[in-house]
Amino acid sequence: MKSTTKQDIGLAIKYFRKKVGFRQVDLAKRINPKSPTKNTISRIERGVSNYRIDYLFQIAEILKCDVLDFFDLRGKPSKIEQFEEAFEEFRKKIIEEIKSGNLV
């Protein structure tokens, strides 16, 4: 069985954050309203930040999921799927810009 990495946990957090419609700054504000910083969330989602387990529980509570969901990656998009999804969105925007004549 593959072990879960910080990058895997970060992708899972990003998945659940987007699922509830939060931006990184929205999540940061709910974690620390006095000093919200999306940089912290960005670092966690990229797997480059160390954090305490109680922080994961707090994030899970805010995102209305179980902390175990961050470790169970079945059914969540992989990095490749996320790249393909982002590329498809970009492609659609470019086509719209070309059709509208805004892209020269």
Protein backbone atom coordinates (compact mmCIF):
# COMPACT_ATOMS: atom_id res chain seq x y z
CA MET A 1 0.00 0.00 0.00
CA LYS A 2 1.32 3.41 -0.96
CA SER A 3 2.04 5.72 1.96
CA THR A 4 0.46 9.16 2.03
CA THR A 5 2.84 12.08 1.50
CA LYS A 6 2.50 15.74 2.42
CA GLN A 7 1.86 16.42 -1.27
CA ASP A 8 -1.00 13.89 -1.24
CA ILE A 9 -2.52 15.52 1.84
CA GLY A 10 -2.11 18.94 0.25
CA LEU A 11 -3.91 17.81 -2.90
CA ALA A 12 -6.71 16.36 -0.79
CA ILE A 13 -7.07 19.64 1.14
CA LYS A 14 -7.17 21.53 -2.15
CA TYR A 15 -9.79 19.12 -3.48
CA PHE A 16 -12.08 19.62 -0.47
CA ARG A 17 -11.46 23.39 -0.41
CA LYS A 18 -12.55 23.68 -4.04
CA LYS A 19 -15.44 21.30 -3.44
CA VAL A 20 -16.93 23.74 -0.91
CA GLY A 21 -16.11 26.72 -3.16
CA PHE A 22 -13.46 28.37 -0.99
CA ARG A 23 -10.47 30.29 -2.25
CA GLN A 24 -7.24 29.89 -0.30
CA VAL A 25 -7.82 33.23 1.40
CA ASP A 26 -11.35 32.13 2.43
CA LEU A 27 -9.92 29.10 4.21
CA ALA A 28 -7.14 31.19 5.74
CA LYS A 29 -9.69 33.68 7.13
CA ARG A 30 -11.67 30.90 8.78
CA ILE A 31 -8.54 29.44 10.35
CA ASN A 32 -7.21 32.77 11.61
CA PRO A 33 -9.54 35.75 11.13
CA LYS A 34 -7.07 38.21 12.69
CA SER A 35 -4.17 37.29 10.43
CA PRO A 36 -5.35 35.47 7.30
CA THR A 37 -2.62 34.51 4.87
CA LYS A 38 -3.26 32.43 1.79
CA ASN A 39 0.48 31.69 1.63
CA THR A 40 0.09 29.23 4.50
CA ILE A 41 -2.71 27.39 2.70
CA SER A 42 -0.75 27.45 -0.56
CA ARG A 43 2.29 25.90 1.13
CA ILE A 44 0.16 23.19 2.73
CA GLU A 45 -1.54 22.38 -0.57
CA ARG A 46 1.82 22.14 -2.35
CA GLY A 47 3.16 19.86 0.39
CA VAL A 48 6.03 22.16 1.37
CA SER A 49 4.81 23.15 4.84
CA ASN A 50 5.03 21.35 8.14
CA TYR A 51 1.95 21.53 10.33
CA ARG A 52 0.54 20.03 13.48
CA ILE A 53 -2.16 17.37 13.36
CA ASP A 54 -4.58 19.67 15.20
CA TYR A 55 -4.25 22.07 12.27
CA LEU A 56 -5.47 19.30 9.94
CA PHE A 57 -8.44 18.68 12.23
CA GLN A 58 -9.28 22.39 12.15
CA ILE A 59 -9.09 22.46 8.33
CA ALA A 60 -11.24 19.32 8.09
CA GLU A 61 -13.88 20.85 10.36
CA ILE A 62 -13.99 24.04 8.26
CA LEU A 63 -14.20 22.06 5.02
CA LYS A 64 -16.93 19.80 6.47
CA CYS A 65 -15.00 16.59 5.94
CA ASP A 66 -13.21 14.08 8.12
CA VAL A 67 -9.48 14.39 8.66
CA LEU A 68 -9.18 10.79 7.41
CA ASP A 69 -10.39 12.03 4.03
CA PHE A 70 -7.04 13.76 3.64
CA PHE A 71 -5.34 10.36 3.81
CA ASP A 72 -7.79 8.39 1.64
CA LEU A 73 -7.02 9.49 -1.90
CA ARG A 74 -9.32 7.13 -3.78
CA GLY A 75 -11.63 9.04 -6.08
CA LYS A 76 -9.75 12.32 -5.78
CA PRO A 77 -7.99 13.86 -8.78
CA SER A 78 -4.33 13.16 -9.31
CA LYS A 79 -1.83 15.85 -10.30
CA ILE A 80 -2.20 14.74 -13.94
CA GLU A 81 -5.98 15.05 -13.80
CA GLN A 82 -5.68 18.50 -12.20
CA PHE A 83 -3.27 19.58 -14.92
CA GLU A 84 -5.59 18.27 -17.63
CA GLU A 85 -8.56 20.07 -16.05
CA ALA A 86 -6.64 23.36 -15.81
CA PHE A 87 -5.39 22.99 -19.39
CA GLU A 88 -8.93 22.36 -20.66
CA GLU A 89 -10.20 25.50 -18.87
CA PHE A 90 -7.34 27.51 -20.38
CA ARG A 91 -8.04 26.09 -23.85
CA LYS A 92 -11.73 27.03 -23.61
CA LYS A 93 -10.86 30.59 -22.56
CA ILE A 94 -8.42 30.99 -25.45
CA ILE A 95 -11.04 29.75 -27.92
CA GLU A 96 -13.59 32.20 -26.49
CA GLU A 97 -11.07 35.06 -26.80
CA ILE A 98 -10.30 34.12 -30.41
CA LYS A 99 -13.99 33.93 -31.32
CA SER A 100 -14.70 37.28 -29.70
CA GLY A 101 -11.77 38.90 -31.53
CA ASN A 102 -10.07 39.99 -28.29
CA LEU A 103 -7.01 37.84 -28.85
CA VAL A 104 -4.72 39.04 -31.60
